[in-house]
Amino acid sequence: MKRSIIFGVESVARGLGRLEPRHILAYLVVAFLSWRIVAHGLSALLAPHDPRKALTFDAADPTTLMQLAQRELAQDDKARAKKARSIAARLLAVDPLAPGALSLYGKVAERLGDAERAERILRLAAAHLPIDLVAHVWLYTSALANGRLLEALDELDILLRARPSLARQLAPSLQATLGGGAAVEDRFFRQLAAAPPWRAAMLAELAPIIQNPNVLLRLFGSLKTSKAPPSDEEMGPLLARLLHDGRYDEAYAAWLAHLPQERLGKLGLLYNESFQYPVSNLPFDWTFTPTSGATIALTEESERKTLSVEFSGARVSFGHVRHMLMLAPGRYAFSGAAGTDDLDNELGLRWRIYCAANPSQTLATTRLLKKTTPLRVFRTEFTVPSEGCDAQWLKLEIPVRIVSDADVSGSAHYVNLAVESLASASSSSNAAGAIVHDRK
């Protein structure tokens, strides 16, 4: 064995002896580069699990140094923080422009109690790399803690532009910030009016948790007259919050302000009753909620649109077509035409009208439909009480009682849906809807 090794070495030596110096140099360069590639690969492989061992293969790898410093800083120990400082300084010496290196050094200074130096470093890091989230999160938190609310909003904008998914995490602090007065509210409006990519996501997160929804009403009112008015998607969370709080009249007024001006004279008691406008999925229009096991669609034939629901045979507790009504107290009729094709369900499909504040307070239901029925006219009369029913829901549903009641296949079709007042002509005219109910 020993002789074989010696013979092999001698053979390589004789081979190299026959090469010109420039060839030997080329081989050495190739060997060195090959080793560097292998060492870098091994370092990258080990870095997430054992950064110290990774450094034995590549002592100057910025990623490995970053991970090792972060691991030391994560320990609540001053000695480990000093080690992190040493590693972070080494990282900056190796690669001063490494993403996150400067902000890491600033975080280490903060951990070691040097707040003034930490702020200088982190401000420098934020200026050096605008998408350095560590630096900007620190500046945002610092601005909030020290009452610099306008600066906090600027940092919020930077963070959300870099990563809109942070909206959920930042919404609680933003809702508290918006209580800081008119100047703060005006700055936030200006940010929203610029239509940043995070606007819809943040409004959706903010609406359910904001302590004072009037702030949102003011913001939306101002946005309505801006160059970037709210979309239907953005209006949805605001209306949902107002309805959740029982502020039906204010929700209705906000929705009316959102509508195109030319539609205000054609509202009727059931807005968009013939599906003449695109369905917005906002409460005072039709809302079609997607669900597995059922397909909701509008089809058009001879200039008449039909609402169709097709069931795949899966189990679905269906109630995914709704429309909110704002009917004043009095007598009404709901009518239309309905037909079914092989609708196989234990109970059948029906329309139900009930009070929004009390879903168990049913005002009217239509006849349950199943199997195959030709298109037939239906009509049902109902009374809206004078108290406790400021708004109403019209919903297409299967009145499921037990699990097996949700098994359904086949389809149903509806046309000519309408709500009419049965009061005298003078009191039933409702061209623009009732914004505020007169309840005695």
Protein backbone atom coordinates (compact mmCIF):
# COMPACT_ATOMS: atom_id res chain seq x y z
CA MET A 1 0.00 0.00 0.00
CA LYS A 2 2.81 2.34 1.02
CA ARG A 3 4.74 1.53 -2.18
CA SER A 4 1.63 2.32 -4.25
CA ILE A 5 1.24 5.72 -2.68
CA ILE A 6 4.93 6.54 -3.14
CA PHE A 7 4.75 5.37 -6.76
CA GLY A 8 1.68 7.58 -7.35
CA VAL A 9 3.36 10.65 -5.90
CA GLU A 10 6.49 10.03 -7.94
CA SER A 11 4.36 9.67 -11.09
CA VAL A 12 2.60 12.99 -10.45
CA ALA A 13 5.96 14.65 -9.78
CA ARG A 14 7.43 13.29 -13.01
CA GLY A 15 4.32 14.49 -14.85
CA LEU A 16 4.58 17.98 -13.42
CA GLY A 17 8.27 18.01 -14.22
CA ARG A 18 7.46 17.64 -17.89
CA LEU A 19 5.00 20.63 -17.81
CA GLU A 20 5.95 24.19 -18.58
CA PRO A 21 5.78 26.66 -15.64
CA ARG A 22 2.76 28.44 -17.10
CA HIS A 23 0.84 25.17 -17.23
CA ILE A 24 1.73 24.39 -13.62
CA LEU A 25 0.50 27.84 -12.60
CA ALA A 26 -2.77 27.28 -14.47
CA TYR A 27 -3.31 23.95 -12.72
CA LEU A 28 -2.66 25.54 -9.34
CA VAL A 29 -5.15 28.34 -10.06
CA VAL A 30 -7.78 25.83 -11.13
CA ALA A 31 -7.16 23.75 -8.01
CA PHE A 32 -7.42 26.82 -5.79
CA LEU A 33 -10.65 27.99 -7.42
CA SER A 34 -12.12 24.50 -7.15
CA TRP A 35 -11.30 24.41 -3.48
CA ARG A 36 -12.87 27.86 -2.96
CA ILE A 37 -16.06 26.73 -4.67
CA VAL A 38 -16.23 23.58 -2.57
CA ALA A 39 -15.42 25.48 0.63
CA HIS A 40 -18.04 28.15 -0.09
CA GLY A 41 -20.65 25.49 -0.82
CA LEU A 42 -19.88 23.63 2.40
CA SER A 43 -19.99 26.89 4.33
CA ALA A 44 -23.40 27.81 2.87
CA LEU A 45 -24.69 24.32 3.65
CA LEU A 46 -23.57 24.44 7.27
CA ALA A 47 -24.32 28.11 8.01
CA PRO A 48 -28.01 27.75 9.03
CA HIS A 49 -27.27 24.85 11.36
CA ASP A 50 -23.72 25.35 12.63
CA PRO A 51 -22.29 28.74 11.59
CA ARG A 52 -19.12 28.25 13.66
CA LYS A 53 -18.22 25.09 11.80
CA ALA A 54 -19.15 26.79 8.53
CA LEU A 55 -16.51 29.45 9.20
CA THR A 56 -13.78 26.78 9.21
CA PHE A 57 -14.41 26.35 5.49
CA ASP A 58 -14.91 30.04 4.66
CA ALA A 59 -13.89 32.42 7.43
CA ALA A 60 -14.99 35.50 5.47
CA ASP A 61 -18.45 34.43 4.27
CA PRO A 62 -20.82 37.38 5.02
CA THR A 63 -23.93 35.20 5.29
CA THR A 64 -22.31 32.91 7.84
CA LEU A 65 -20.97 35.84 9.87
CA MET A 66 -24.45 37.42 9.82
CA GLN A 67 -26.13 34.25 11.08
CA LEU A 68 -23.53 33.71 13.78
CA ALA A 69 -23.88 37.30 15.03
CA GLN A 70 -27.67 37.02 15.05
CA ARG A 71 -27.46 33.77 17.00
CA GLU A 72 -25.24 35.39 19.63
CA LEU A 73 -27.47 38.47 19.83
CA ALA A 74 -30.58 36.33 20.33
CA GLN A 75 -29.24 35.23 23.72
CA ASP A 76 -30.19 37.48 26.64
CA ASP A 77 -26.62 37.71 27.85
CA LYS A 78 -24.25 40.68 27.81
CA ALA A 79 -21.17 38.54 27.17
CA ARG A 80 -22.85 36.96 24.14
CA ALA A 81 -23.85 40.45 22.95
CA LYS A 82 -20.19 41.49 23.07
CA LYS A 83 -19.33 38.45 20.95
CA ALA A 84 -22.06 39.52 18.55
CA ARG A 85 -20.49 43.00 18.37
CA SER A 86 -17.10 41.50 17.51
CA ILE A 87 -18.60 39.31 14.78
CA ALA A 88 -20.67 42.20 13.40
CA ALA A 89 -17.54 44.39 13.25
CA ARG A 90 -15.74 41.58 11.42
CA LEU A 91 -18.66 41.33 8.99
CA LEU A 92 -18.50 45.06 8.24
CA ALA A 93 -14.74 44.78 7.70
CA VAL A 94 -15.25 41.89 5.25
CA ASP A 95 -18.22 43.43 3.40
CA PRO A 96 -19.29 46.95 4.47
CA LEU A 97 -22.18 46.87 1.99
CA ALA A 98 -23.62 43.50 3.07
CA PRO A 99 -27.42 43.85 3.40
CA GLY A 100 -28.36 44.14 7.06
CA ALA A 101 -24.79 44.33 8.35
CA LEU A 102 -24.96 47.93 9.52
CA SER A 103 -28.39 47.55 11.14
CA LEU A 104 -27.14 44.43 12.92
CA TYR A 105 -24.28 46.45 14.37
CA GLY A 106 -26.78 49.08 15.49
CA LYS A 107 -28.96 46.46 17.21
CA VAL A 108 -25.87 45.18 19.04
CA ALA A 109 -25.08 48.71 20.24
CA GLU A 110 -28.65 49.01 21.53
CA ARG A 111 -28.38 45.69 23.39
CA LEU A 112 -25.18 46.89 25.04
CA GLY A 113 -26.94 50.03 26.28
CA ASP A 114 -25.50 52.61 23.88
CA ALA A 115 -28.85 54.01 22.69
CA GLU A 116 -27.44 57.19 21.17
CA ARG A 117 -24.92 55.30 19.07
CA ALA A 118 -27.52 52.71 18.10
CA GLU A 119 -29.82 55.41 16.75
CA ARG A 120 -27.03 57.00 14.70
CA ILE A 121 -26.05 53.66 13.20
CA LEU A 122 -29.61 52.57 12.47
CA ARG A 123 -30.48 55.90 10.82
CA LEU A 124 -27.37 55.51 8.69
CA ALA A 125 -28.39 51.93 7.84
CA ALA A 126 -31.88 53.05 6.83
CA ALA A 127 -30.44 55.79 4.60
CA HIS A 128 -27.90 53.40 3.10
CA LEU A 129 -30.46 50.68 2.31
CA PRO A 130 -34.10 51.89 2.15
CA ILE A 131 -35.39 48.29 2.25
CA ASP A 132 -33.46 47.43 5.42
CA LEU A 133 -36.49 46.28 7.41
CA VAL A 134 -34.55 45.87 10.66
CA ALA A 135 -33.48 49.51 10.59
CA HIS A 136 -36.88 50.85 9.56
CA VAL A 137 -38.76 48.75 12.12
CA TRP A 138 -36.47 50.15 14.80
CA LEU A 139 -37.00 53.73 13.57
CA TYR A 140 -40.77 53.17 13.45
CA THR A 141 -40.85 51.79 16.98
CA SER A 142 -38.59 54.56 18.27
CA ALA A 143 -40.73 57.27 16.65
CA LEU A 144 -43.88 55.85 18.24
CA ALA A 145 -42.27 55.52 21.65
CA ASN A 146 -41.11 59.14 21.57
CA GLY A 147 -44.36 60.60 20.22
CA ARG A 148 -42.95 61.49 16.79
CA LEU A 149 -46.13 60.32 15.07
CA LEU A 150 -45.60 61.97 11.69
CA GLU A 151 -42.17 60.39 11.45
CA ALA A 152 -43.72 57.06 12.44
CA LEU A 153 -46.17 57.33 9.53
CA ASP A 154 -43.30 57.95 7.12
CA GLU A 155 -41.53 54.83 8.40
CA LEU A 156 -44.79 52.88 8.17
CA ASP A 157 -45.06 53.81 4.49
CA ILE A 158 -41.50 52.61 3.83
CA LEU A 159 -42.09 49.32 5.63
CA LEU A 160 -45.36 48.59 3.87
CA ARG A 161 -44.03 49.48 0.43
CA ALA A 162 -41.20 47.02 1.00
CA ARG A 163 -43.47 44.33 2.42
CA PRO A 164 -47.28 44.87 2.22
CA SER A 165 -47.81 41.64 4.18
CA LEU A 166 -46.73 43.54 7.32
CA ALA A 167 -50.13 45.27 7.35
CA ARG A 168 -51.58 42.84 9.88
CA GLN A 169 -48.69 43.33 12.31
CA LEU A 170 -48.62 47.10 11.98
CA ALA A 171 -52.39 47.78 12.03
CA PRO A 172 -52.74 47.80 15.87
CA SER A 173 -50.05 50.45 16.30
CA LEU A 174 -51.44 52.45 13.38
CA GLN A 175 -54.94 52.58 14.85
CA ALA A 176 -53.48 53.98 18.06
CA THR A 177 -51.41 56.50 16.07
CA LEU A 178 -54.49 57.80 14.25
CA GLY A 179 -55.81 59.05 17.58
CA GLY A 180 -52.99 61.59 17.61
CA GLY A 181 -54.95 64.48 16.16
CA ALA A 182 -55.82 66.22 12.91
CA ALA A 183 -52.23 66.55 11.67
CA VAL A 184 -51.66 62.80 11.94
CA GLU A 185 -54.97 62.04 10.27
CA ASP A 186 -54.18 64.47 7.45
CA ARG A 187 -50.73 62.90 6.87
CA PHE A 188 -52.25 59.42 6.71
CA PHE A 189 -54.90 60.67 4.26
CA ARG A 190 -52.17 62.06 2.01
CA GLN A 191 -50.43 58.69 2.09
CA LEU A 192 -53.66 56.92 1.16
CA ALA A 193 -54.44 59.45 -1.57
CA ALA A 194 -51.14 58.52 -3.25
CA ALA A 195 -52.63 55.04 -3.80
CA PRO A 196 -49.71 53.07 -2.31
CA PRO A 197 -49.67 49.31 -3.04
CA TRP A 198 -50.42 48.56 0.61
CA ARG A 199 -53.62 50.66 0.83
CA ALA A 200 -56.23 47.93 0.39
CA ALA A 201 -54.44 45.50 2.70
CA MET A 202 -54.02 48.04 5.49
CA LEU A 203 -57.60 49.33 5.28
CA ALA A 204 -58.84 45.74 5.50
CA GLU A 205 -56.77 45.15 8.64
CA LEU A 206 -57.55 48.52 10.19
CA ALA A 207 -61.34 48.57 9.79
CA PRO A 208 -62.20 45.76 12.23
CA ILE A 209 -59.91 46.96 15.05
CA ILE A 210 -59.95 50.76 14.94
CA GLN A 211 -61.45 52.14 18.14
CA ASN A 212 -63.01 55.15 16.46
CA PRO A 213 -64.62 54.24 13.11
CA ASN A 214 -65.39 57.93 12.55
CA VAL A 215 -61.73 58.33 11.60
CA LEU A 216 -62.28 55.88 8.75
CA LEU A 217 -65.47 57.65 7.69
CA ARG A 218 -63.57 60.93 7.45
CA LEU A 219 -60.70 59.33 5.55
CA PHE A 220 -63.03 57.63 3.07
CA GLY A 221 -65.00 60.84 2.65
CA SER A 222 -61.82 62.69 1.74
CA LEU A 223 -60.60 59.91 -0.54
CA LYS A 224 -63.87 60.06 -2.45
CA THR A 225 -62.87 63.46 -3.85
CA SER A 226 -59.22 62.52 -4.41
CA LYS A 227 -57.58 61.34 -7.63
CA ALA A 228 -57.66 57.78 -6.26
CA PRO A 229 -61.15 57.20 -4.78
CA PRO A 230 -61.82 53.99 -2.82
CA SER A 231 -62.43 50.82 -4.79
CA ASP A 232 -65.24 48.37 -4.04
CA GLU A 233 -62.64 46.12 -2.41
CA GLU A 234 -61.59 48.94 -0.09
CA MET A 235 -65.17 49.98 0.74
CA GLY A 236 -66.10 46.47 1.87
CA PRO A 237 -64.19 46.47 5.21
CA LEU A 238 -65.54 49.93 6.13
CA LEU A 239 -69.15 48.91 5.48
CA ALA A 240 -68.65 45.60 7.29
CA ARG A 241 -67.36 47.45 10.37
CA LEU A 242 -70.27 49.90 10.41
CA LEU A 243 -72.78 47.08 10.01
CA HIS A 244 -71.08 45.10 12.77
CA ASP A 245 -71.52 48.13 15.05
CA GLY A 246 -75.19 48.44 14.07
CA ARG A 247 -74.61 51.77 12.32
CA TYR A 248 -76.82 50.88 9.39
CA ASP A 249 -77.79 54.40 8.34
CA GLU A 250 -74.17 55.56 8.29
CA ALA A 251 -73.14 52.49 6.32
CA TYR A 252 -75.93 53.15 3.82
CA ALA A 253 -74.93 56.81 3.50
CA ALA A 254 -71.28 55.83 2.93
CA TRP A 255 -72.37 53.35 0.25
CA LEU A 256 -74.55 55.95 -1.45
CA ALA A 257 -71.59 58.36 -1.54
CA HIS A 258 -69.53 55.61 -3.17
CA LEU A 259 -72.03 55.02 -6.00
CA PRO A 260 -71.67 56.71 -9.39
CA GLN A 261 -73.81 59.84 -9.46
CA GLU A 262 -75.94 58.61 -12.36
CA ARG A 263 -77.24 55.62 -10.37
CA LEU A 264 -78.62 57.56 -7.42
CA GLY A 265 -81.92 58.23 -9.13
CA LYS A 266 -82.45 54.52 -9.90
CA LEU A 267 -81.94 52.85 -6.54
CA GLY A 268 -85.39 51.42 -5.88
CA LEU A 269 -86.08 49.19 -2.88
CA LEU A 270 -83.91 46.36 -4.25
CA TYR A 271 -80.84 47.95 -5.80
CA ASN A 272 -79.56 46.32 -9.00
CA GLU A 273 -82.64 44.08 -9.00
CA SER A 274 -82.22 43.10 -12.66
CA PHE A 275 -78.43 42.80 -12.37
CA GLN A 276 -78.16 45.72 -14.77
CA TYR A 277 -74.90 46.81 -13.09
CA PRO A 278 -71.83 44.70 -12.35
CA VAL A 279 -72.22 42.99 -8.97
CA SER A 280 -69.97 44.80 -6.49
CA ASN A 281 -70.27 42.32 -3.60
CA LEU A 282 -70.95 45.22 -1.26
CA PRO A 283 -73.77 44.78 1.29
CA PHE A 284 -76.37 47.10 -0.30
CA ASP A 285 -75.80 45.42 -3.65
CA TRP A 286 -75.79 41.69 -4.38
CA THR A 287 -73.05 39.74 -2.65
CA PHE A 288 -71.98 36.41 -4.12
CA THR A 289 -69.68 34.60 -1.70
CA PRO A 290 -67.61 31.84 -3.35
CA THR A 291 -67.96 28.40 -1.78
CA SER A 292 -66.85 24.90 -2.69
CA GLY A 293 -69.69 22.75 -3.95
CA ALA A 294 -71.69 25.57 -5.56
CA THR A 295 -71.22 27.93 -8.51
CA ILE A 296 -73.04 31.27 -8.59
CA ALA A 297 -73.32 32.93 -11.98
CA LEU A 298 -75.27 35.44 -14.04
CA THR A 299 -76.32 34.51 -17.57
CA GLU A 300 -77.96 36.73 -20.16
CA GLU A 301 -80.58 35.80 -22.74
CA SER A 302 -82.81 38.16 -24.71
CA GLU A 303 -81.49 41.12 -22.67
CA ARG A 304 -82.68 39.47 -19.46
CA LYS A 305 -80.16 38.35 -16.85
CA THR A 306 -80.72 35.18 -14.84
CA LEU A 307 -79.21 34.36 -11.47
CA SER A 308 -78.16 30.70 -11.52
CA VAL A 309 -76.79 28.50 -8.76
CA GLU A 310 -75.38 25.11 -9.69
CA PHE A 311 -74.54 22.50 -7.07
CA SER A 312 -71.89 19.84 -7.68
CA GLY A 313 -73.30 17.19 -5.36
CA ALA A 314 -71.03 18.05 -2.44
CA ARG A 315 -72.20 18.94 1.04
CA VAL A 316 -72.68 22.71 1.31
CA SER A 317 -74.67 24.67 3.86
CA PHE A 318 -75.74 27.16 1.25
CA GLY A 319 -76.50 30.79 2.04
CA HIS A 320 -74.06 32.56 -0.22
CA VAL A 321 -76.29 34.95 -2.19
CA ARG A 322 -77.36 37.99 -0.14
CA HIS A 323 -78.56 41.55 -0.49
CA MET A 324 -79.02 44.07 2.32
CA LEU A 325 -82.23 46.12 2.28
CA MET A 326 -83.02 49.42 3.98
CA LEU A 327 -86.80 49.25 4.22
CA ALA A 328 -88.67 51.64 6.48
CA PRO A 329 -91.45 50.14 8.67
CA GLY A 330 -94.44 49.04 6.61
CA ARG A 331 -95.85 46.39 4.27
CA TYR A 332 -93.87 45.05 1.30
CA ALA A 333 -93.88 42.27 -1.28
CA PHE A 334 -90.93 40.31 -2.63
CA SER A 335 -91.47 38.69 -6.01
CA GLY A 336 -89.73 37.07 -8.96
CA ALA A 337 -89.69 33.87 -11.00
CA ALA A 338 -87.84 30.67 -10.11
CA GLY A 339 -87.13 27.30 -11.68
CA THR A 340 -85.02 24.24 -10.85
CA ASP A 341 -83.26 21.46 -12.77
CA ASP A 342 -82.78 18.15 -10.94
CA LEU A 343 -82.29 19.96 -7.64
CA ASP A 344 -81.72 17.05 -5.29
CA ASN A 345 -81.87 18.12 -1.64
CA GLU A 346 -83.81 16.94 1.39
CA LEU A 347 -85.37 20.36 2.04
CA GLY A 348 -84.95 22.58 -1.00
CA LEU A 349 -83.88 26.13 -1.75
CA ARG A 350 -85.67 29.31 -0.65
CA TRP A 351 -85.37 33.05 -0.19
CA ARG A 352 -85.56 34.40 3.34
CA ILE A 353 -85.89 38.01 4.55
CA TYR A 354 -84.86 38.70 8.14
CA CYS A 355 -83.81 41.56 10.39
CA ALA A 356 -80.08 42.32 10.23
CA ALA A 357 -79.86 42.99 13.97
CA ASN A 358 -81.62 39.71 14.80
CA PRO A 359 -81.15 36.93 12.20
CA SER A 360 -83.71 34.75 13.97
CA GLN A 361 -86.41 37.38 13.32
CA THR A 362 -87.66 36.12 9.97
CA LEU A 363 -89.97 38.45 8.09
CA ALA A 364 -90.74 36.27 5.06
CA THR A 365 -89.75 33.08 3.25
CA THR A 366 -90.57 31.78 -0.21
CA ARG A 367 -91.72 28.26 -1.01
CA LEU A 368 -88.95 25.63 -0.88
CA LEU A 369 -87.98 24.46 -4.37
CA LYS A 370 -86.39 21.13 -5.34
CA LYS A 371 -86.41 18.46 -8.06
CA THR A 372 -87.33 19.89 -11.48
CA THR A 373 -89.78 22.76 -11.75
CA PRO A 374 -90.47 25.09 -14.69
CA LEU A 375 -89.90 28.81 -14.30
CA ARG A 376 -92.80 30.06 -12.15
CA VAL A 377 -93.69 33.41 -10.66
CA PHE A 378 -93.59 33.71 -6.86
CA ARG A 379 -94.64 36.49 -4.50
CA THR A 380 -94.61 36.82 -0.73
CA GLU A 381 -95.77 39.72 1.42
CA PHE A 382 -94.17 40.79 4.67
CA THR A 383 -94.14 43.54 7.29
CA VAL A 384 -91.09 45.41 8.56
CA PRO A 385 -91.68 46.21 12.25
CA SER A 386 -91.27 49.70 13.66
CA GLU A 387 -88.53 48.70 16.11
CA GLY A 388 -85.42 46.55 16.04
CA CYS A 389 -85.28 46.10 12.27
CA ASP A 390 -83.49 49.11 10.80
CA ALA A 391 -81.95 46.97 8.06
CA GLN A 392 -82.85 43.62 6.56
CA TRP A 393 -81.10 40.80 4.72
CA LEU A 394 -82.51 39.03 1.69
CA LYS A 395 -80.76 35.65 1.44
CA LEU A 396 -80.98 32.59 -0.81
CA GLU A 397 -80.50 29.55 1.41
CA ILE A 398 -81.00 25.92 2.22
CA PRO A 399 -82.49 25.89 5.75
CA VAL A 400 -80.11 23.22 7.04
CA ARG A 401 -81.13 21.54 10.30
CA ILE A 402 -78.81 18.53 10.35
CA VAL A 403 -75.62 17.73 8.44
CA SER A 404 -77.28 15.58 5.79
CA ASP A 405 -79.59 18.48 4.86
CA ALA A 406 -76.57 20.11 3.18
CA ASP A 407 -76.18 17.38 0.53
CA VAL A 408 -77.27 19.00 -2.70
CA SER A 409 -76.91 18.67 -6.46
CA GLY A 410 -78.64 20.19 -9.48
CA SER A 411 -79.36 23.85 -10.19
CA ALA A 412 -81.78 26.71 -9.61
CA HIS A 413 -82.52 29.84 -11.65
CA TYR A 414 -84.09 33.22 -10.72
CA VAL A 415 -85.26 36.21 -12.78
CA ASN A 416 -87.29 39.40 -12.35
CA LEU A 417 -86.53 39.78 -8.65
CA ALA A 418 -88.18 42.83 -7.06
CA VAL A 419 -89.29 44.40 -3.78
CA GLU A 420 -92.29 46.74 -3.81
CA SER A 421 -94.03 48.78 -1.16
CA LEU A 422 -97.67 47.99 -0.43
CA ALA A 423 -98.24 51.38 1.22
CA SER A 424 -100.04 54.25 -0.50
CA ALA A 425 -98.34 55.76 -3.53
CA SER A 426 -97.39 58.92 -1.65
CA SER A 427 -95.52 57.04 1.06
CA SER A 428 -94.07 54.26 -1.06
CA SER A 429 -92.02 56.33 -3.48
CA ASN A 430 -88.39 55.61 -2.65
CA ALA A 431 -86.27 56.71 -5.56
CA ALA A 432 -83.16 57.32 -3.47
CA GLY A 433 -83.71 54.90 -0.61
CA ALA A 434 -84.26 55.72 3.04
CA ILE A 435 -81.05 56.88 4.68
CA VAL A 436 -82.60 57.63 8.06
CA HIS A 437 -85.64 55.70 9.20
CA ASP A 438 -88.56 57.49 10.81
CA ARG A 439 -89.41 55.06 13.61
CA LYS A 440 -92.00 56.01 16.18
